[in-house]
Protein backbone atom coordinates (compact mmCIF):
# COMPACT_ATOMS: atom_id res chain seq x y z
CA MET A 1 15.80 38.38 -0.53
CA LEU A 2 16.53 42.79 -1.66
CA VAL A 3 13.23 45.16 -1.32
CA ASN A 4 13.95 48.67 -2.58
CA GLU A 5 12.43 51.55 -0.79
CA LYS A 6 9.42 51.87 -3.53
CA GLN A 7 8.66 48.51 -2.65
CA PHE A 8 8.86 48.58 1.12
CA ASN A 9 6.91 51.96 0.95
CA ASP A 10 4.16 50.27 -0.77
CA LYS A 11 4.42 47.75 2.05
CA MET A 12 4.19 49.99 4.97
CA ASN A 13 0.94 51.53 2.64
CA LYS A 14 -1.01 47.77 3.10
CA GLY A 15 -0.43 47.69 6.95
CA LEU A 16 -0.95 49.32 9.87
CA VAL A 17 2.42 51.35 11.51
CA PRO A 18 2.08 51.91 14.84
CA ASP A 19 2.35 55.59 16.67
CA ILE A 20 6.23 55.99 17.65
CA VAL A 21 7.16 57.83 20.95
CA ASN A 22 10.68 59.12 21.85
CA ASP A 23 11.77 58.74 18.56
CA ASN A 24 12.42 55.18 18.62
CA GLU A 25 9.77 53.43 20.96
CA ILE A 26 6.65 51.48 20.46
CA PRO A 27 4.88 52.14 23.44
CA LYS A 28 2.68 49.63 25.77
CA LYS A 29 -0.56 48.63 24.50
CA ALA A 30 0.14 50.30 20.98
CA VAL A 31 -2.26 48.25 19.19
CA LEU A 32 -3.48 46.21 21.97
CA GLY A 33 -7.27 44.53 21.04
CA ASN A 34 -7.42 45.88 17.73
CA ARG A 35 -10.05 43.25 16.12
CA ASN A 36 -9.28 44.59 12.47
CA VAL A 37 -5.68 44.84 11.93
CA ASP A 38 -3.84 42.33 9.70
CA MET A 39 -0.58 43.58 9.08
CA ILE A 40 1.78 45.86 11.00
CA ILE A 41 4.91 47.23 9.64
CA VAL A 42 7.58 48.66 12.47
CA PRO A 43 9.35 51.44 11.08
CA TYR A 44 13.65 50.86 10.87
CA GLY A 45 15.22 52.47 13.85
CA VAL A 46 12.95 51.42 16.49
CA LYS A 47 15.13 50.25 19.43
CA GLU A 48 12.13 49.19 21.91
CA ILE A 49 8.42 47.65 22.01
CA GLY A 50 6.49 48.04 25.00
CA ASP A 51 4.34 45.48 26.83
CA TRP A 52 1.23 44.05 25.22
CA ALA A 53 1.88 46.34 22.33
CA PHE A 54 0.41 44.16 19.72
CA ALA A 55 -1.30 41.22 21.97
CA HIS A 56 -5.12 40.03 21.56
CA CYS A 57 -5.27 41.40 17.50
CA PRO A 58 -7.26 38.10 16.69
CA MET A 59 -7.21 39.29 12.98
CA LEU A 60 -3.22 39.74 12.99
CA LYS A 61 -1.35 37.91 10.35
CA GLU A 62 2.08 39.48 9.41
CA ILE A 63 4.22 41.71 10.98
CA TRP A 64 7.53 43.67 9.96
CA LEU A 65 10.34 44.05 12.40
CA PRO A 66 13.58 45.71 12.23
CA ASP A 67 16.77 44.35 13.46
CA THR A 68 17.02 47.35 15.58
CA VAL A 69 14.87 46.68 18.04
CA GLU A 70 16.94 45.82 20.90
CA LYS A 71 14.13 45.76 23.92
CA TYR A 72 11.08 43.70 23.69
CA GLY A 73 8.08 44.01 26.31
CA ARG A 74 5.90 41.39 27.84
CA ASP A 75 3.51 39.17 26.05
CA ILE A 76 3.45 41.90 23.03
CA PHE A 77 1.85 38.94 20.72
CA LEU A 78 -0.20 37.55 23.26
CA ASP A 79 -3.44 35.95 22.14
CA ASP A 80 -2.60 36.72 18.18
CA ASP A 81 -3.56 33.10 17.50
CA LYS A 82 -3.64 33.79 13.44
CA LEU A 83 -0.18 35.45 13.71
CA GLU A 84 1.68 33.36 10.57
CA LYS A 85 4.35 35.34 10.04
CA ILE A 86 6.78 37.82 11.70
CA VAL A 87 9.50 39.41 9.06
CA VAL A 88 12.62 40.48 10.30
CA TYR A 89 14.54 43.15 7.96
CA SER A 90 17.68 45.19 8.10
CA LYS A 91 18.37 48.19 6.08
CA GLN A 92 21.25 48.98 3.66
CA GLU A 93 21.34 52.99 4.57
CA THR A 94 23.68 53.72 1.32
CA GLU A 95 21.88 51.91 -1.17
CA GLN A 96 18.16 52.63 0.15
CA LEU A 97 17.77 48.92 0.14
CA TYR A 98 15.97 46.39 3.13
CA TYR A 99 17.00 43.04 2.96
CA VAL A 100 14.32 39.98 3.98
CA ASN A 101 14.77 36.74 5.05
CA GLU A 102 12.24 34.32 3.52
CA ASP A 103 12.72 31.43 4.93
CA MET A 104 12.54 32.29 8.55
CA PRO A 105 9.23 34.52 8.99
CA GLU A 106 6.72 31.23 9.53
CA LEU A 107 9.29 29.68 11.89
CA PHE A 108 9.85 33.10 13.78
CA ALA A 109 6.14 33.02 14.57
CA ILE A 110 6.08 29.95 15.65
CA ALA A 111 9.28 30.64 17.85
CA VAL A 112 7.34 33.26 19.25
CA LYS A 113 3.99 31.81 20.05
CA CYS A 114 5.22 28.72 21.29
CA PHE A 115 8.27 28.73 23.18
CA GLU A 116 8.35 31.73 25.47
CA LYS A 117 12.11 32.26 25.88
CA SER A 118 13.35 35.74 25.58
CA GLU A 119 16.58 34.79 23.41
CA THR A 120 13.86 34.04 20.61
CA TYR A 121 14.07 37.89 20.00
CA ARG A 122 18.02 37.60 19.43
CA PHE A 123 18.49 38.75 15.77
CA SER A 124 22.06 38.16 15.35
CA ASN A 125 21.79 34.51 14.67
CA LEU A 126 18.73 34.45 12.87
CA PHE A 127 19.99 34.64 9.14
CA ASP A 128 22.21 31.49 9.92
CA GLU A 129 21.65 27.90 10.48
CA SER A 130 22.28 28.58 14.41
CA TRP A 131 19.24 29.67 14.84
CA LEU A 132 18.05 26.89 12.88
CA LYS A 133 19.66 24.53 15.21
CA TRP A 134 18.12 26.44 18.50
CA PHE A 135 14.80 26.36 16.95
CA ASP A 136 14.76 22.25 16.63
CA SER A 137 15.76 22.18 19.91
CA ASN A 138 13.18 24.21 21.41
CA LEU A 139 10.70 22.65 18.56
CA SER A 140 11.94 19.17 19.99
CA ASP A 141 11.04 20.81 23.64
CA TYR A 142 8.03 21.92 22.67
CA ILE A 143 6.29 18.89 20.83
CA ASP A 144 7.16 16.99 24.38
CA GLU A 145 5.22 18.79 26.49
CA PRO A 146 1.93 17.12 27.62
CA ASP A 147 -1.11 18.61 25.49
CA GLU A 148 -2.61 20.21 28.04
CA THR A 149 0.31 22.61 28.93
CA GLY A 150 -0.80 26.16 28.85
CA PHE A 151 -4.93 25.67 29.53
CA ASN A 152 -6.10 28.33 31.41
CA PRO A 153 -10.20 28.44 30.77
CA PHE A 154 -11.92 31.74 31.20
CA LEU A 155 -15.05 31.30 33.63
CA ALA A 156 -16.35 34.42 34.27
CA GLY A 157 -19.63 33.26 36.06
CA GLY A 158 -22.41 32.66 33.12
CA GLU A 159 -23.10 28.83 32.06
CA GLU A 160 -22.41 30.09 28.50
CA ASP A 161 -18.74 30.54 29.42
CA TYR A 162 -18.51 26.95 30.76
CA GLU A 163 -19.92 25.58 27.10
CA ASP A 164 -17.25 27.77 25.15
CA PRO A 165 -15.17 24.79 23.59
CA GLU A 166 -12.01 26.97 24.69
CA ASN A 167 -13.15 26.23 28.28
CA ASP A 168 -12.96 22.13 27.16
CA ILE A 169 -9.62 20.49 27.87
CA GLU A 170 -10.40 17.66 25.56
CA TYR A 171 -10.70 20.57 22.71
CA TYR A 172 -7.76 22.51 23.84
CA LYS A 173 -5.76 19.24 23.86
CA LYS A 174 -6.87 18.34 19.92
CA LYS A 175 -5.76 22.25 18.76
CA GLN A 176 -2.61 22.03 20.56
CA ARG A 177 -1.76 18.40 18.85
CA GLU A 178 -2.85 20.38 15.76
CA ARG A 179 -0.39 23.49 16.36
CA LYS A 180 2.62 20.91 16.79
CA CYS A 181 1.88 18.88 14.10
CA GLY A 182 1.76 22.38 11.87
CA ALA A 183 4.61 23.79 13.29
CA ILE A 184 6.65 20.45 12.18
CA LEU A 185 5.37 21.05 8.65
CA LYS A 186 6.27 24.55 8.49
CA ARG A 187 9.47 23.54 9.59
CA LEU A 188 10.03 20.80 6.87
CA LYS A 189 8.65 23.08 4.38
CA SER A 190 11.88 25.54 5.11
CA ALA A 191 14.72 25.26 2.51
CA LYS A 192 17.49 23.61 5.51
CA GLU A 193 16.01 20.39 6.41
CA PRO A 194 16.46 19.52 10.07
CA SER A 195 19.31 16.69 11.60
CA VAL A 196 18.85 13.41 11.33
CA SER A 197 18.03 12.61 14.99
CA TYR A 198 15.20 15.87 14.83
CA MET A 199 13.86 14.89 11.34
CA GLU A 200 13.49 11.19 13.02
CA LYS A 201 11.57 12.51 16.11
CA TYR A 202 9.19 14.92 13.86
CA LYS A 203 8.57 12.34 11.36
CA ALA A 204 7.66 9.96 14.66
CA HIS A 205 5.10 12.80 15.95
CA ILE A 206 3.41 13.23 12.25
CA ASN A 207 2.98 9.14 12.50
CA LYS A 208 1.63 9.14 15.79
CA HIS A 209 -0.95 11.93 14.97
CA LYS A 210 -1.99 11.74 11.61
CA SER A 211 -5.73 13.13 11.75
CA ASP A 212 -3.97 16.19 13.61
CA ALA A 213 -1.81 16.93 10.90
CA ILE A 214 -4.54 16.44 8.24
CA ARG A 215 -6.42 18.67 9.89
CA PHE A 216 -3.73 21.46 10.17
CA ILE A 217 -3.93 20.85 6.22
CA LEU A 218 -7.34 21.37 6.01
CA ASP A 219 -7.45 24.60 8.38
CA ASN A 220 -5.07 26.37 6.24
CA LYS A 221 -6.64 26.25 2.78
CA GLN A 222 -4.48 28.66 1.47
CA GLU A 223 -1.91 26.95 1.67
CA SER A 224 -3.22 23.18 1.82
CA PHE A 225 -2.08 22.23 -1.17
CA ASN A 226 1.63 22.76 -0.09
CA TYR A 227 1.45 21.34 3.12
CA LEU A 228 -0.36 17.84 1.60
CA LYS A 229 2.55 18.04 -0.59
CA ILE A 230 4.88 17.99 2.01
CA TYR A 231 3.26 15.65 3.56
CA ALA A 232 3.66 13.14 0.88
CA GLU A 233 6.82 14.01 0.04
CA HIS A 234 7.97 12.61 3.64
CA ASP A 235 6.26 9.07 3.17
CA PHE A 236 3.11 9.75 5.57
CA ILE A 237 1.00 8.20 3.10
CA GLU A 238 0.22 4.77 3.52
CA GLU A 239 -1.93 3.23 1.63
CA LYS A 240 -4.45 2.39 3.83
CA ASP A 241 -5.01 6.16 4.50
CA ILE A 242 -6.12 6.58 0.72
CA PRO A 243 -9.84 6.39 1.70
CA SER A 244 -9.33 8.53 4.74
CA LEU A 245 -7.69 11.17 2.62
CA LEU A 246 -10.06 11.67 -0.05
CA GLU A 247 -12.59 11.73 2.35
CA SER A 248 -11.43 14.29 3.92
CA PHE A 249 -10.43 16.53 1.05
CA SER A 250 -13.69 15.72 -0.52
CA ASP A 251 -14.90 19.45 -0.22
CA GLU A 252 -14.88 20.89 -3.83
CA SER A 253 -12.43 23.55 -2.86
CA TYR A 254 -9.87 20.85 -2.33
CA ILE A 255 -10.09 19.68 -5.89
CA ASP A 256 -6.79 19.82 -6.28
CA ASN A 257 -5.50 18.13 -3.02
CA LYS A 258 -7.85 15.07 -3.99
CA ALA A 259 -6.22 15.07 -7.50
CA TYR A 260 -2.86 15.01 -6.06
CA ILE A 261 -4.11 12.00 -3.84
CA ILE A 262 -5.49 9.93 -6.25
CA LYS A 263 -2.59 10.64 -8.63
CA TYR A 264 -0.16 9.87 -5.66
CA LYS A 265 -2.36 6.36 -5.09
CA GLU A 266 -1.58 5.68 -8.83
CA GLN A 267 2.14 5.74 -8.51
CA HIS A 268 2.83 4.51 -5.33
CA PHE A 269 0.37 1.65 -4.80
CA LYS A 270 -0.80 -0.03 -8.33
CA ASN A 271 -2.65 -3.09 -6.55
CA LYS A 272 -6.17 -1.30 -6.85
CA ASN A 273 -8.02 0.31 -9.92
CA ILE A 274 -7.63 4.08 -9.56
CA TRP A 275 -10.96 4.58 -10.91
CA ASP A 276 -12.45 3.17 -7.66
CA ASP A 277 -11.67 6.27 -5.99
CA PHE A 278 -13.78 7.92 -7.77
CA LYS A 279 -16.56 6.60 -6.04
CA LEU A 280 -15.87 8.22 -2.68
């Protein structure tokens, strides 16, 4: 997608533009701990981003990074749990146009948060299929990790610390399963499908953890309907799942989801009166 300079400047006006030092560097801890920022735009030409530059920003959802960045510090997105999109953009200097890859932002955010690989930030292959192959290989390894991997409870000393759900191993494992299912559904959402071997593995994982996948869909209200369609289009819905799905989406805020499930049942499982579902 091409974006002209006015459109790009409008985007910059909506986000936080961090301070730059030495002409081309975002310093250490530039936005560390900012509890309000939800979008960050790193200006074109920046070549270095310091340690923990955007870490511990609990509301951060989207960041734009130029392909001019050559050096990334440690843990720049540490604990940015709501980060959903990392948009990498390039600039055509002669025409004042910016090129944005629309298919990768969600997957790039997953790579940064889940894979912890230094090569994640190599942008040279980000706009072709080689990066997707790299992503699938690492996503496959990620879903194979034990769900307790990375569990590190914070126990400061008070009794309330022990009662925090973040310090409960079972809660942590449940959230990890949900993240893994979410990563797979986001991968299936992208324009280019994975190879057959990865697709089989992803489908097997979702089929094994259906409740975790549905919890991810429920938790992502704005995209909930789109993720449900992906879930259905990849044949994860069985007839025996219909009652629990209708129950999960019984809240009025999921009315489109519920209607979709009822229609799906009518089209795929015709051995029962469709009106029975409205009793749930």
